[in-house]
PDB file of N, CA and C in Angstrom:
ATOM      1  N   UNK A   1      -7.783 -18.204  12.021  1.00  0.00           N
ATOM      2  CA  UNK A   1      -7.675 -17.488  10.766  1.00  0.00           C
ATOM      3  C   UNK A   1      -6.195 -17.298  10.473  1.00  0.00           C
ATOM      4  N   UNK A   2      -5.783 -17.631   9.275  1.00  0.00           N
ATOM      5  CA  UNK A   2      -4.400 -17.432   8.841  1.00  0.00           C
ATOM      6  C   UNK A   2      -4.416 -16.370   7.741  1.00  0.00           C
ATOM      7  N   UNK A   3      -3.587 -15.339   7.909  1.00  0.00           N
ATOM      8  CA  UNK A   3      -3.485 -14.284   6.912  1.00  0.00           C
ATOM      9  C   UNK A   3      -2.025 -14.091   6.550  1.00  0.00           C
ATOM     10  N   UNK A   4      -1.792 -13.642   5.336  1.00  0.00           N
ATOM     11  CA  UNK A   4      -0.432 -13.370   4.898  1.00  0.00           C
ATOM     12  C   UNK A   4      -0.261 -11.892   4.715  1.00  0.00           C
ATOM     13  N   UNK A   5       0.764 -11.358   5.340  1.00  0.00           N
ATOM     14  CA  UNK A   5       1.147  -9.963   5.189  1.00  0.00           C
ATOM     15  C   UNK A   5       2.255  -9.911   4.153  1.00  0.00           C
ATOM     16  N   UNK A   6       2.756  -8.729   3.869  1.00  0.00           N
ATOM     17  CA  UNK A   6       3.816  -8.606   2.873  1.00  0.00           C
ATOM     18  C   UNK A   6       5.108  -9.233   3.365  1.00  0.00           C
ATOM     19  N   UNK A   7       5.233  -9.455   4.659  1.00  0.00           N
ATOM     20  CA  UNK A   7       6.489  -9.965   5.201  1.00  0.00           C
ATOM     21  C   UNK A   7       6.330 -11.195   6.095  1.00  0.00           C
ATOM     22  N   UNK A   8       5.120 -11.605   6.390  1.00  0.00           N
ATOM     23  CA  UNK A   8       4.962 -12.710   7.339  1.00  0.00           C
ATOM     24  C   UNK A   8       3.575 -13.337   7.222  1.00  0.00           C
ATOM     25  N   UNK A   9       3.467 -14.532   7.748  1.00  0.00           N
ATOM     26  CA  UNK A   9       2.179 -15.204   7.879  1.00  0.00           C
ATOM     27  C   UNK A   9       1.717 -15.026   9.318  1.00  0.00           C
ATOM     28  N   UNK A  10       0.473 -14.631   9.497  1.00  0.00           N
ATOM     29  CA  UNK A  10      -0.057 -14.398  10.838  1.00  0.00           C
ATOM     30  C   UNK A  10      -1.130 -15.429  11.165  1.00  0.00           C
ATOM     31  N   UNK A  11      -1.079 -15.947  12.358  1.00  0.00           N
ATOM     32  CA  UNK A  11      -2.109 -16.862  12.864  1.00  0.00           C
ATOM     33  C   UNK A  11      -2.929 -16.094  13.881  1.00  0.00           C
ATOM     34  N   UNK A  12      -4.147 -15.753  13.525  1.00  0.00           N
ATOM     35  CA  UNK A  12      -5.043 -15.029  14.429  1.00  0.00           C
ATOM     36  C   UNK A  12      -6.004 -16.045  15.015  1.00  0.00           C
ATOM     37  N   UNK A  13      -5.823 -16.332  16.296  1.00  0.00           N
ATOM     38  CA  UNK A  13      -6.610 -17.417  16.879  1.00  0.00           C
ATOM     39  C   UNK A  13      -7.535 -16.978  18.008  1.00  0.00           C
ATOM     40  N   UNK A  14      -7.705 -15.650  18.170  1.00  0.00           N
ATOM     41  CA  UNK A  14      -8.688 -15.213  19.163  1.00  0.00           C
ATOM     42  C   UNK A  14      -9.622 -14.194  18.510  1.00  0.00           C
ATOM     43  N   UNK A  15     -10.824 -14.123  19.008  1.00  0.00           N
ATOM     44  CA  UNK A  15     -11.872 -13.305  18.396  1.00  0.00           C
ATOM     45  C   UNK A  15     -11.486 -11.831  18.331  1.00  0.00           C
ATOM     46  N   UNK A  16     -10.821 -11.299  19.355  1.00  0.00           N
ATOM     47  CA  UNK A  16     -10.437  -9.886  19.345  1.00  0.00           C
ATOM     48  C   UNK A  16      -9.452  -9.576  18.223  1.00  0.00           C
ATOM     49  N   UNK A  17      -8.490 -10.447  18.008  1.00  0.00           N
ATOM     50  CA  UNK A  17      -7.503 -10.230  16.934  1.00  0.00           C
ATOM     51  C   UNK A  17      -8.156 -10.311  15.566  1.00  0.00           C
ATOM     52  N   UNK A  18      -9.038 -11.277  15.388  1.00  0.00           N
ATOM     53  CA  UNK A  18      -9.735 -11.416  14.108  1.00  0.00           C
ATOM     54  C   UNK A  18     -10.602 -10.185  13.848  1.00  0.00           C
ATOM     55  N   UNK A  19     -11.312  -9.727  14.864  1.00  0.00           N
ATOM     56  CA  UNK A  19     -12.166  -8.547  14.720  1.00  0.00           C
ATOM     57  C   UNK A  19     -11.346  -7.314  14.361  1.00  0.00           C
ATOM     58  N   UNK A  20     -10.227  -7.116  15.052  1.00  0.00           N
ATOM     59  CA  UNK A  20      -9.376  -5.975  14.767  1.00  0.00           C
ATOM     60  C   UNK A  20      -8.813  -6.049  13.354  1.00  0.00           C
ATOM     61  N   UNK A  21      -8.304  -7.208  12.952  1.00  0.00           N
ATOM     62  CA  UNK A  21      -7.738  -7.368  11.614  1.00  0.00           C
ATOM     63  C   UNK A  21      -8.808  -7.088  10.556  1.00  0.00           C
ATOM     64  N   UNK A  22      -9.998  -7.603  10.764  1.00  0.00           N
ATOM     65  CA  UNK A  22     -11.087  -7.404   9.803  1.00  0.00           C
ATOM     66  C   UNK A  22     -11.469  -5.930   9.705  1.00  0.00           C
ATOM     67  N   UNK A  23     -11.509  -5.245  10.858  1.00  0.00           N
ATOM     68  CA  UNK A  23     -11.858  -3.822  10.852  1.00  0.00           C
ATOM     69  C   UNK A  23     -10.808  -3.009  10.089  1.00  0.00           C
ATOM     70  N   UNK A  24      -9.538  -3.309  10.300  1.00  0.00           N
ATOM     71  CA  UNK A  24      -8.469  -2.611   9.572  1.00  0.00           C
ATOM     72  C   UNK A  24      -8.579  -2.910   8.078  1.00  0.00           C
ATOM     73  N   UNK A  25      -8.772  -4.170   7.722  1.00  0.00           N
ATOM     74  CA  UNK A  25      -8.888  -4.557   6.310  1.00  0.00           C
ATOM     75  C   UNK A  25     -10.061  -3.839   5.644  1.00  0.00           C
ATOM     76  N   UNK A  26     -11.215  -3.801   6.325  1.00  0.00           N
ATOM     77  CA  UNK A  26     -12.394  -3.125   5.769  1.00  0.00           C
ATOM     78  C   UNK A  26     -12.140  -1.633   5.582  1.00  0.00           C
ATOM     79  N   UNK A  27     -11.441  -1.008   6.532  1.00  0.00           N
ATOM     80  CA  UNK A  27     -11.116   0.411   6.422  1.00  0.00           C
ATOM     81  C   UNK A  27     -10.214   0.660   5.219  1.00  0.00           C
ATOM     82  N   UNK A  28      -9.209  -0.177   5.030  1.00  0.00           N
ATOM     83  CA  UNK A  28      -8.327  -0.034   3.872  1.00  0.00           C
ATOM     84  C   UNK A  28      -9.092  -0.255   2.572  1.00  0.00           C
ATOM     85  N   UNK A  29      -9.964  -1.234   2.555  1.00  0.00           N
ATOM     86  CA  UNK A  29     -10.746  -1.537   1.343  1.00  0.00           C
ATOM     87  C   UNK A  29     -11.623  -0.359   0.935  1.00  0.00           C
ATOM     88  N   UNK A  30     -12.106   0.404   1.902  1.00  0.00           N
ATOM     89  CA  UNK A  30     -12.955   1.558   1.589  1.00  0.00           C
ATOM     90  C   UNK A  30     -12.163   2.701   0.951  1.00  0.00           C
ATOM     91  N   UNK A  31     -10.853   2.714   1.119  1.00  0.00           N
ATOM     92  CA  UNK A  31     -10.046   3.803   0.582  1.00  0.00           C
ATOM     93  C   UNK A  31      -9.411   3.480  -0.773  1.00  0.00           C
ATOM     94  N   UNK A  32      -9.704   2.330  -1.314  1.00  0.00           N
ATOM     95  CA  UNK A  32      -9.109   1.903  -2.577  1.00  0.00           C
ATOM     96  C   UNK A  32      -9.690   2.695  -3.748  1.00  0.00           C
ATOM     97  N   UNK A  33      -8.823   3.052  -4.673  1.00  0.00           N
ATOM     98  CA  UNK A  33      -9.250   3.703  -5.909  1.00  0.00           C
ATOM     99  C   UNK A  33      -8.877   2.819  -7.085  1.00  0.00           C
ATOM    100  N   UNK A  34      -9.699   2.866  -8.121  1.00  0.00           N
ATOM    101  CA  UNK A  34      -9.463   2.086  -9.325  1.00  0.00           C
ATOM    102  C   UNK A  34      -9.551   2.994 -10.550  1.00  0.00           C
ATOM    103  N   UNK A  35      -9.062   2.501 -11.666  1.00  0.00           N
ATOM    104  CA  UNK A  35      -9.247   3.170 -12.952  1.00  0.00           C
ATOM    105  C   UNK A  35      -8.727   4.590 -12.981  1.00  0.00           C
ATOM    106  N   UNK A  36      -9.541   5.482 -13.529  1.00  0.00           N
ATOM    107  CA  UNK A  36      -9.153   6.875 -13.715  1.00  0.00           C
ATOM    108  C   UNK A  36      -8.821   7.553 -12.397  1.00  0.00           C
ATOM    109  N   UNK A  37      -9.600   7.279 -11.361  1.00  0.00           N
ATOM    110  CA  UNK A  37      -9.324   7.891 -10.057  1.00  0.00           C
ATOM    111  C   UNK A  37      -7.935   7.509  -9.558  1.00  0.00           C
ATOM    112  N   UNK A  38      -7.575   6.256  -9.696  1.00  0.00           N
ATOM    113  CA  UNK A  38      -6.243   5.801  -9.274  1.00  0.00           C
ATOM    114  C   UNK A  38      -5.160   6.446 -10.131  1.00  0.00           C
ATOM    115  N   UNK A  39      -5.411   6.557 -11.429  1.00  0.00           N
ATOM    116  CA  UNK A  39      -4.427   7.178 -12.319  1.00  0.00           C
ATOM    117  C   UNK A  39      -4.181   8.636 -11.955  1.00  0.00           C
ATOM    118  N   UNK A  40      -5.219   9.354 -11.545  1.00  0.00           N
ATOM    119  CA  UNK A  40      -5.053  10.751 -11.131  1.00  0.00           C
ATOM    120  C   UNK A  40      -4.181  10.861  -9.883  1.00  0.00           C
ATOM    121  N   UNK A  41      -4.396   9.997  -8.922  1.00  0.00           N
ATOM    122  CA  UNK A  41      -3.599  10.021  -7.694  1.00  0.00           C
ATOM    123  C   UNK A  41      -2.138   9.712  -8.016  1.00  0.00           C
ATOM    124  N   UNK A  42      -1.904   8.723  -8.850  1.00  0.00           N
ATOM    125  CA  UNK A  42      -0.530   8.353  -9.227  1.00  0.00           C
ATOM    126  C   UNK A  42       0.139   9.491  -9.983  1.00  0.00           C
ATOM    127  N   UNK A  43      -0.582  10.121 -10.903  1.00  0.00           N
ATOM    128  CA  UNK A  43      -0.025  11.242 -11.665  1.00  0.00           C
ATOM    129  C   UNK A  43       0.351  12.403 -10.760  1.00  0.00           C
ATOM    130  N   UNK A  44      -0.521  12.728  -9.791  1.00  0.00           N
ATOM    131  CA  UNK A  44      -0.214  13.809  -8.846  1.00  0.00           C
ATOM    132  C   UNK A  44       1.032  13.472  -8.032  1.00  0.00           C
ATOM    133  N   UNK A  45       1.137  12.227  -7.601  1.00  0.00           N
ATOM    134  CA  UNK A  45       2.304  11.818  -6.818  1.00  0.00           C
ATOM    135  C   UNK A  45       3.583  11.914  -7.648  1.00  0.00           C
ATOM    136  N   UNK A  46       3.516  11.495  -8.894  1.00  0.00           N
ATOM    137  CA  UNK A  46       4.699  11.564  -9.760  1.00  0.00           C
ATOM    138  C   UNK A  46       5.122  13.005 -10.016  1.00  0.00           C
ATOM    139  N   UNK A  47       4.148  13.894 -10.170  1.00  0.00           N
ATOM    140  CA  UNK A  47       4.480  15.309 -10.387  1.00  0.00           C
ATOM    141  C   UNK A  47       5.103  15.944  -9.138  1.00  0.00           C
ATOM    142  N   UNK A  48       4.783  15.420  -7.974  1.00  0.00           N
ATOM    143  CA  UNK A  48       5.293  15.979  -6.720  1.00  0.00           C
ATOM    144  C   UNK A  48       6.730  15.556  -6.434  1.00  0.00           C
ATOM    145  N   UNK A  49       7.213  14.527  -7.101  1.00  0.00           N
ATOM    146  CA  UNK A  49       8.568  14.024  -6.865  1.00  0.00           C
ATOM    147  C   UNK A  49       9.490  14.603  -7.930  1.00  0.00           C
ATOM    148  N   UNK A  50      10.568  15.270  -7.503  1.00  0.00           N
ATOM    149  CA  UNK A  50      11.483  15.834  -8.505  1.00  0.00           C
ATOM    150  C   UNK A  50      12.189  14.719  -9.285  1.00  0.00           C
ATOM    151  N   UNK A  51      12.508  14.984 -10.543  1.00  0.00           N
ATOM    152  CA  UNK A  51      13.212  13.965 -11.326  1.00  0.00           C
ATOM    153  C   UNK A  51      14.608  13.729 -10.757  1.00  0.00           C
ATOM    154  N   UNK A  52      15.133  12.529 -10.935  1.00  0.00           N
ATOM    155  CA  UNK A  52      16.481  12.259 -10.439  1.00  0.00           C
ATOM    156  C   UNK A  52      17.509  13.072 -11.208  1.00  0.00           C
ATOM    157  N   UNK A  53      18.584  13.414 -10.544  1.00  0.00           N
ATOM    158  CA  UNK A  53      19.663  14.153 -11.203  1.00  0.00           C
ATOM    159  C   UNK A  53      20.855  13.235 -11.355  1.00  0.00           C
ATOM    160  N   UNK A  54      21.601  13.442 -12.396  1.00  0.00           N
ATOM    161  CA  UNK A  54      22.797  12.630 -12.644  1.00  0.00           C
ATOM    162  C   UNK A  54      23.863  12.968 -11.617  1.00  0.00           C
ATOM    163  N   UNK A  55      24.502  11.954 -11.124  1.00  0.00           N
ATOM    164  CA  UNK A  55      25.603  12.118 -10.165  1.00  0.00           C
ATOM    165  C   UNK A  55      26.904  11.708 -10.846  1.00  0.00           C
ATOM    166  N   UNK A  56      28.006  12.227 -10.374  1.00  0.00           N
ATOM    167  CA  UNK A  56      29.297  11.845 -10.915  1.00  0.00           C
ATOM    168  C   UNK A  56      29.449  10.336 -10.795  1.00  0.00           C
ATOM    169  N   UNK A  57      29.831   9.703 -11.870  1.00  0.00           N
ATOM    170  CA  UNK A  57      30.046   8.262 -11.866  1.00  0.00           C
ATOM    171  C   UNK A  57      28.833   7.460 -12.302  1.00  0.00           C
ATOM    172  N   UNK A  58      27.653   8.113 -12.444  1.00  0.00           N
ATOM    173  CA  UNK A  58      26.465   7.388 -12.914  1.00  0.00           C
ATOM    174  C   UNK A  58      26.641   7.002 -14.370  1.00  0.00           C
ATOM    175  N   UNK A  59      26.116   5.859 -14.726  1.00  0.00           N
ATOM    176  CA  UNK A  59      26.148   5.417 -16.117  1.00  0.00           C
ATOM    177  C   UNK A  59      24.846   5.835 -16.768  1.00  0.00           C
ATOM    178  N   UNK A  60      24.917   6.245 -17.973  1.00  0.00           N
ATOM    179  CA  UNK A  60      23.718   6.641 -18.733  1.00  0.00           C
ATOM    180  C   UNK A  60      23.217   5.527 -19.570  1.00  0.00           C
TER     181      UNK A  60
END
């Protein structure tokens, strides 16, 4: 099994590695949000981050 990560290509050639990778992938897939639910999570995250402040030398 060949999979691509955000930074590398992985060759999983033994059953234990494939099983582990699949279990992790399935767990992540169960936590995915779409549509309005995803928008609510993003909005909450944006509200939790303070706005950037201007620093000396910054261009507007």
